């Protein structure tokens, strides 16, 4: 089902989320693959999850690992891209084989120099309260580079951003199963429905 903008779901850690999000039309799913990050998965688990889904871009999230380590894990898991939790130098970015997304903070999004390394896109998880000048900052950031915004699981906020900014897409968190095979998708479902392209 088409949505107003492409959708990225972050931190997939179970089969229920992977299949549900792929089935609901998400465009990209991320898996946390850096042992330095909470909730990270091993490569065996990611390959098993990826084997059950099709038609979505698979992205690994990394923080501390070096470029060679990122490249090795990316190749093993057949990742389509990587998402770096912190900016890297242009030299480091050039050493990473898959396409790269970089996570920004609201403060760094306002600084044009942070957009100079030219990865394929940036991801920004929004604070609960956006400063008064925040929308102007976001508009300028969208004009400079492809920007994926994370509005939290708030359907109204997500719809507003999708219809008022020239976004590359929106980013949402996945969740945890209550127990294997049991998961409450009410919040994600509300977001998907709010962003349906009638």
C-alpha atoms as a PDB file:
ATOM      1  CA  UNK A   1       0.000   0.000   0.000  1.00  0.00           C
ATOM      2  CA  UNK A   2       1.467   3.372  -1.000  1.00  0.00           C
ATOM      3  CA  UNK A   3       2.273   5.968   1.645  1.00  0.00           C
ATOM      4  CA  UNK A   4       2.715   9.742   1.502  1.00  0.00           C
ATOM      5  CA  UNK A   5       6.478   9.280   1.938  1.00  0.00           C
ATOM      6  CA  UNK A   6       8.799   6.259   2.174  1.00  0.00           C
ATOM      7  CA  UNK A   7       8.953   4.652   5.626  1.00  0.00           C
ATOM      8  CA  UNK A   8      11.962   3.360   7.553  1.00  0.00           C
ATOM      9  CA  UNK A   9      11.425   1.142  10.615  1.00  0.00           C
ATOM     10  CA  UNK A  10      14.369   1.032  13.013  1.00  0.00           C
ATOM     11  CA  UNK A  11      15.662  -1.643  15.345  1.00  0.00           C
ATOM     12  CA  UNK A  12      13.846  -4.737  14.078  1.00  0.00           C
ATOM     13  CA  UNK A  13      14.609  -7.554  16.516  1.00  0.00           C
ATOM     14  CA  UNK A  14      11.912 -10.156  15.934  1.00  0.00           C
ATOM     15  CA  UNK A  15      10.141 -11.931  13.108  1.00  0.00           C
ATOM     16  CA  UNK A  16       6.716 -10.506  13.994  1.00  0.00           C
ATOM     17  CA  UNK A  17       7.934  -6.930  13.412  1.00  0.00           C
ATOM     18  CA  UNK A  18       9.918  -7.821  10.305  1.00  0.00           C
ATOM     19  CA  UNK A  19       6.978  -9.498   8.575  1.00  0.00           C
ATOM     20  CA  UNK A  20       4.373  -6.996   9.747  1.00  0.00           C
ATOM     21  CA  UNK A  21       6.343  -3.924   8.661  1.00  0.00           C
ATOM     22  CA  UNK A  22       7.301  -5.421   5.312  1.00  0.00           C
ATOM     23  CA  UNK A  23       3.683  -6.439   4.731  1.00  0.00           C
ATOM     24  CA  UNK A  24       2.380  -2.973   5.640  1.00  0.00           C
ATOM     25  CA  UNK A  25       4.555  -1.330   3.007  1.00  0.00           C
ATOM     26  CA  UNK A  26       7.637  -0.159   4.899  1.00  0.00           C
ATOM     27  CA  UNK A  27      10.466   0.617   2.491  1.00  0.00           C
ATOM     28  CA  UNK A  28      13.470   0.066   4.766  1.00  0.00           C
ATOM     29  CA  UNK A  29      14.124  -1.972   7.921  1.00  0.00           C
ATOM     30  CA  UNK A  30      17.139  -1.544  10.184  1.00  0.00           C
ATOM     31  CA  UNK A  31      18.859  -4.088  12.411  1.00  0.00           C
ATOM     32  CA  UNK A  32      21.247  -3.056  15.188  1.00  0.00           C
ATOM     33  CA  UNK A  33      24.484  -4.922  14.436  1.00  0.00           C
ATOM     34  CA  UNK A  34      27.083  -3.077  16.518  1.00  0.00           C
ATOM     35  CA  UNK A  35      27.876  -4.839  19.837  1.00  0.00           C
ATOM     36  CA  UNK A  36      28.419  -1.404  21.424  1.00  0.00           C
ATOM     37  CA  UNK A  37      24.710  -0.600  21.000  1.00  0.00           C
ATOM     38  CA  UNK A  38      21.884  -1.807  23.248  1.00  0.00           C
ATOM     39  CA  UNK A  39      19.679  -4.436  21.677  1.00  0.00           C
ATOM     40  CA  UNK A  40      22.209  -5.501  19.057  1.00  0.00           C
ATOM     41  CA  UNK A  41      21.663  -8.721  17.115  1.00  0.00           C
ATOM     42  CA  UNK A  42      24.189 -11.247  15.891  1.00  0.00           C
ATOM     43  CA  UNK A  43      24.605 -11.835  12.166  1.00  0.00           C
ATOM     44  CA  UNK A  44      22.981 -15.282  12.342  1.00  0.00           C
ATOM     45  CA  UNK A  45      19.751 -13.799  13.737  1.00  0.00           C
ATOM     46  CA  UNK A  46      19.679 -11.008  11.154  1.00  0.00           C
ATOM     47  CA  UNK A  47      20.144 -13.477   8.298  1.00  0.00           C
ATOM     48  CA  UNK A  48      17.335 -15.644   9.666  1.00  0.00           C
ATOM     49  CA  UNK A  49      14.967 -12.650   9.934  1.00  0.00           C
ATOM     50  CA  UNK A  50      15.923 -11.370   6.484  1.00  0.00           C
ATOM     51  CA  UNK A  51      15.145 -14.778   5.009  1.00  0.00           C
ATOM     52  CA  UNK A  52      11.460 -14.329   5.849  1.00  0.00           C
ATOM     53  CA  UNK A  53      10.928 -10.963   4.175  1.00  0.00           C
ATOM     54  CA  UNK A  54      11.214  -9.523   0.677  1.00  0.00           C
ATOM     55  CA  UNK A  55      10.762  -6.229  -1.093  1.00  0.00           C
ATOM     56  CA  UNK A  56      12.380  -4.032   1.569  1.00  0.00           C
ATOM     57  CA  UNK A  57      15.816  -2.491   1.892  1.00  0.00           C
ATOM     58  CA  UNK A  58      17.849  -4.010   4.756  1.00  0.00           C
ATOM     59  CA  UNK A  59      20.041  -1.614   6.728  1.00  0.00           C
ATOM     60  CA  UNK A  60      22.522  -2.292   9.529  1.00  0.00           C
ATOM     61  CA  UNK A  61      22.955   0.241  12.348  1.00  0.00           C
ATOM     62  CA  UNK A  62      26.502   0.815  13.599  1.00  0.00           C
ATOM     63  CA  UNK A  63      28.333   3.081  16.032  1.00  0.00           C
ATOM     64  CA  UNK A  64      31.827   2.087  17.174  1.00  0.00           C
ATOM     65  CA  UNK A  65      32.901  -0.502  14.617  1.00  0.00           C
ATOM     66  CA  UNK A  66      35.563   0.335  12.047  1.00  0.00           C
ATOM     67  CA  UNK A  67      34.923   0.509   8.310  1.00  0.00           C
ATOM     68  CA  UNK A  68      36.456  -2.948   7.645  1.00  0.00           C
ATOM     69  CA  UNK A  69      34.310  -4.468  10.412  1.00  0.00           C
ATOM     70  CA  UNK A  70      31.185  -2.773   9.038  1.00  0.00           C
ATOM     71  CA  UNK A  71      32.006  -3.994   5.528  1.00  0.00           C
ATOM     72  CA  UNK A  72      32.486  -7.596   6.710  1.00  0.00           C
ATOM     73  CA  UNK A  73      29.170  -7.687   8.606  1.00  0.00           C
ATOM     74  CA  UNK A  74      27.364  -5.945   5.739  1.00  0.00           C
ATOM     75  CA  UNK A  75      28.609  -8.529   3.260  1.00  0.00           C
ATOM     76  CA  UNK A  76      27.735 -11.443   5.547  1.00  0.00           C
ATOM     77  CA  UNK A  77      24.176 -10.155   6.083  1.00  0.00           C
ATOM     78  CA  UNK A  78      23.735  -8.949   2.468  1.00  0.00           C
ATOM     79  CA  UNK A  79      22.798  -5.471   3.688  1.00  0.00           C
ATOM     80  CA  UNK A  80      21.617  -2.863   1.196  1.00  0.00           C
ATOM     81  CA  UNK A  81      22.972   0.059   3.268  1.00  0.00           C
ATOM     82  CA  UNK A  82      24.251   1.057   6.700  1.00  0.00           C
ATOM     83  CA  UNK A  83      23.118   3.682   9.196  1.00  0.00           C
ATOM     84  CA  UNK A  84      25.875   5.255  11.285  1.00  0.00           C
ATOM     85  CA  UNK A  85      24.833   6.510  14.698  1.00  0.00           C
ATOM     86  CA  UNK A  86      27.518   9.215  14.640  1.00  0.00           C
ATOM     87  CA  UNK A  87      29.186  11.255  11.877  1.00  0.00           C
ATOM     88  CA  UNK A  88      32.451   9.970  10.406  1.00  0.00           C
ATOM     89  CA  UNK A  89      35.172  11.736   8.481  1.00  0.00           C
ATOM     90  CA  UNK A  90      34.993  11.819   4.693  1.00  0.00           C
ATOM     91  CA  UNK A  91      37.912   9.363   4.624  1.00  0.00           C
ATOM     92  CA  UNK A  92      36.065   6.901   6.866  1.00  0.00           C
ATOM     93  CA  UNK A  93      32.888   7.221   4.813  1.00  0.00           C
ATOM     94  CA  UNK A  94      34.823   6.481   1.635  1.00  0.00           C
ATOM     95  CA  UNK A  95      36.050   3.208   3.171  1.00  0.00           C
ATOM     96  CA  UNK A  96      32.544   1.905   3.874  1.00  0.00           C
ATOM     97  CA  UNK A  97      31.361  -0.205   0.957  1.00  0.00           C
ATOM     98  CA  UNK A  98      27.534  -0.061   1.224  1.00  0.00           C
ATOM     99  CA  UNK A  99      25.582   3.192   0.822  1.00  0.00           C
ATOM    100  CA  UNK A 100      25.639   5.179   4.082  1.00  0.00           C
ATOM    101  CA  UNK A 101      22.970   6.995   6.093  1.00  0.00           C
ATOM    102  CA  UNK A 102      24.117   9.129   9.041  1.00  0.00           C
ATOM    103  CA  UNK A 103      22.080   9.912  12.140  1.00  0.00           C
ATOM    104  CA  UNK A 104      22.000  13.572  13.171  1.00  0.00           C
ATOM    105  CA  UNK A 105      20.871  15.390  16.275  1.00  0.00           C
ATOM    106  CA  UNK A 106      18.539  18.367  16.045  1.00  0.00           C
ATOM    107  CA  UNK A 107      21.502  20.642  16.787  1.00  0.00           C
ATOM    108  CA  UNK A 108      23.752  19.211  14.071  1.00  0.00           C
ATOM    109  CA  UNK A 109      20.922  19.366  11.521  1.00  0.00           C
ATOM    110  CA  UNK A 110      21.099  23.151  11.775  1.00  0.00           C
ATOM    111  CA  UNK A 111      24.785  23.195  10.798  1.00  0.00           C
ATOM    112  CA  UNK A 112      25.341  22.999   7.024  1.00  0.00           C
ATOM    113  CA  UNK A 113      28.893  21.725   7.392  1.00  0.00           C
ATOM    114  CA  UNK A 114      27.549  18.462   8.804  1.00  0.00           C
ATOM    115  CA  UNK A 115      25.954  17.787   5.422  1.00  0.00           C
ATOM    116  CA  UNK A 116      29.172  18.061   3.461  1.00  0.00           C
ATOM    117  CA  UNK A 117      30.227  14.400   3.464  1.00  0.00           C
ATOM    118  CA  UNK A 118      27.317  13.506   1.142  1.00  0.00           C
ATOM    119  CA  UNK A 119      26.103  10.113   2.323  1.00  0.00           C
ATOM    120  CA  UNK A 120      22.877   8.915   0.708  1.00  0.00           C
ATOM    121  CA  UNK A 121      20.760  10.391   3.472  1.00  0.00           C
ATOM    122  CA  UNK A 122      20.425  11.573   7.051  1.00  0.00           C
ATOM    123  CA  UNK A 123      18.168  10.340   9.838  1.00  0.00           C
ATOM    124  CA  UNK A 124      16.991  12.686  12.588  1.00  0.00           C
ATOM    125  CA  UNK A 125      14.924  11.506  15.552  1.00  0.00           C
ATOM    126  CA  UNK A 126      12.943  14.542  16.640  1.00  0.00           C
ATOM    127  CA  UNK A 127      12.673  15.664  20.255  1.00  0.00           C
ATOM    128  CA  UNK A 128       9.209  15.618  21.814  1.00  0.00           C
ATOM    129  CA  UNK A 129       9.111  19.408  21.707  1.00  0.00           C
ATOM    130  CA  UNK A 130      10.466  21.131  18.600  1.00  0.00           C
ATOM    131  CA  UNK A 131      11.859  24.652  19.184  1.00  0.00           C
ATOM    132  CA  UNK A 132       9.933  27.571  17.679  1.00  0.00           C
ATOM    133  CA  UNK A 133      12.474  27.926  14.889  1.00  0.00           C
ATOM    134  CA  UNK A 134      12.521  24.155  14.433  1.00  0.00           C
ATOM    135  CA  UNK A 135      10.397  23.892  11.296  1.00  0.00           C
ATOM    136  CA  UNK A 136      12.589  26.428   9.493  1.00  0.00           C
ATOM    137  CA  UNK A 137      15.654  24.427  10.510  1.00  0.00           C
ATOM    138  CA  UNK A 138      14.068  21.253   9.192  1.00  0.00           C
ATOM    139  CA  UNK A 139      13.019  22.892   5.911  1.00  0.00           C
ATOM    140  CA  UNK A 140      16.587  24.109   5.354  1.00  0.00           C
ATOM    141  CA  UNK A 141      17.973  20.671   6.202  1.00  0.00           C
ATOM    142  CA  UNK A 142      15.563  19.050   3.713  1.00  0.00           C
ATOM    143  CA  UNK A 143      16.762  21.465   1.021  1.00  0.00           C
ATOM    144  CA  UNK A 144      20.389  20.459   1.598  1.00  0.00           C
ATOM    145  CA  UNK A 145      20.173  16.667   1.681  1.00  0.00           C
ATOM    146  CA  UNK A 146      17.758  13.720   1.795  1.00  0.00           C
ATOM    147  CA  UNK A 147      16.378  13.754   5.338  1.00  0.00           C
ATOM    148  CA  UNK A 148      14.440  11.049   7.182  1.00  0.00           C
ATOM    149  CA  UNK A 149      12.605  12.359  10.244  1.00  0.00           C
ATOM    150  CA  UNK A 150      11.578  10.329  13.276  1.00  0.00           C
ATOM    151  CA  UNK A 151       8.435  11.813  14.842  1.00  0.00           C
ATOM    152  CA  UNK A 152       7.917   8.984  17.324  1.00  0.00           C
ATOM    153  CA  UNK A 153       4.762   6.881  17.118  1.00  0.00           C
ATOM    154  CA  UNK A 154       2.500   9.929  16.768  1.00  0.00           C
ATOM    155  CA  UNK A 155       0.188   9.590  13.728  1.00  0.00           C
ATOM    156  CA  UNK A 156      -0.870  13.270  13.619  1.00  0.00           C
ATOM    157  CA  UNK A 157       2.692  14.559  13.899  1.00  0.00           C
ATOM    158  CA  UNK A 158       3.853  12.092  11.243  1.00  0.00           C
ATOM    159  CA  UNK A 159       1.095  13.148   8.831  1.00  0.00           C
ATOM    160  CA  UNK A 160       1.856  16.838   9.383  1.00  0.00           C
ATOM    161  CA  UNK A 161       5.583  16.383   8.659  1.00  0.00           C
ATOM    162  CA  UNK A 162       4.891  14.243   5.589  1.00  0.00           C
ATOM    163  CA  UNK A 163       2.607  16.898   4.119  1.00  0.00           C
ATOM    164  CA  UNK A 164       4.520  20.053   5.105  1.00  0.00           C
ATOM    165  CA  UNK A 165       8.184  19.174   4.438  1.00  0.00           C
ATOM    166  CA  UNK A 166      10.037  17.800   1.415  1.00  0.00           C
ATOM    167  CA  UNK A 167      11.250  14.693   3.229  1.00  0.00           C
ATOM    168  CA  UNK A 168      13.119  11.691   1.932  1.00  0.00           C
ATOM    169  CA  UNK A 169      10.927   9.748   4.349  1.00  0.00           C
ATOM    170  CA  UNK A 170       9.865   9.130   7.929  1.00  0.00           C
ATOM    171  CA  UNK A 171      11.517   6.891  10.507  1.00  0.00           C
ATOM    172  CA  UNK A 172       9.749   4.925  13.252  1.00  0.00           C
ATOM    173  CA  UNK A 173      10.901   2.627  16.051  1.00  0.00           C
ATOM    174  CA  UNK A 174       9.971  -1.028  16.025  1.00  0.00           C
ATOM    175  CA  UNK A 175       9.136  -2.769  19.282  1.00  0.00           C
ATOM    176  CA  UNK A 176       9.489  -5.943  21.285  1.00  0.00           C
ATOM    177  CA  UNK A 177       7.337  -9.034  21.319  1.00  0.00           C
ATOM    178  CA  UNK A 178       5.321  -9.686  24.477  1.00  0.00           C
ATOM    179  CA  UNK A 179       6.440 -13.277  23.989  1.00  0.00           C
ATOM    180  CA  UNK A 180       7.587 -15.127  20.854  1.00  0.00           C
ATOM    181  CA  UNK A 181       5.003 -14.584  18.152  1.00  0.00           C
ATOM    182  CA  UNK A 182       2.877 -12.187  20.229  1.00  0.00           C
ATOM    183  CA  UNK A 183       3.140  -8.461  19.514  1.00  0.00           C
ATOM    184  CA  UNK A 184       0.833  -5.437  19.888  1.00  0.00           C
ATOM    185  CA  UNK A 185       0.917  -3.447  16.639  1.00  0.00           C
ATOM    186  CA  UNK A 186      -1.715  -0.825  17.503  1.00  0.00           C
ATOM    187  CA  UNK A 187       0.697   2.141  17.548  1.00  0.00           C
ATOM    188  CA  UNK A 188       2.515   1.166  14.366  1.00  0.00           C
ATOM    189  CA  UNK A 189      -0.787   0.413  12.644  1.00  0.00           C
ATOM    190  CA  UNK A 190      -2.093   3.887  13.508  1.00  0.00           C
ATOM    191  CA  UNK A 191       1.022   5.464  11.974  1.00  0.00           C
ATOM    192  CA  UNK A 192       0.807   3.366   8.805  1.00  0.00           C
ATOM    193  CA  UNK A 193      -2.876   4.257   8.406  1.00  0.00           C
ATOM    194  CA  UNK A 194      -2.278   7.987   8.974  1.00  0.00           C
ATOM    195  CA  UNK A 195       0.283   7.979   6.165  1.00  0.00           C
ATOM    196  CA  UNK A 196      -1.712   6.055   3.575  1.00  0.00           C
ATOM    197  CA  UNK A 197      -1.788   7.803   0.226  1.00  0.00           C
ATOM    198  CA  UNK A 198      -5.489   7.876  -0.691  1.00  0.00           C
END
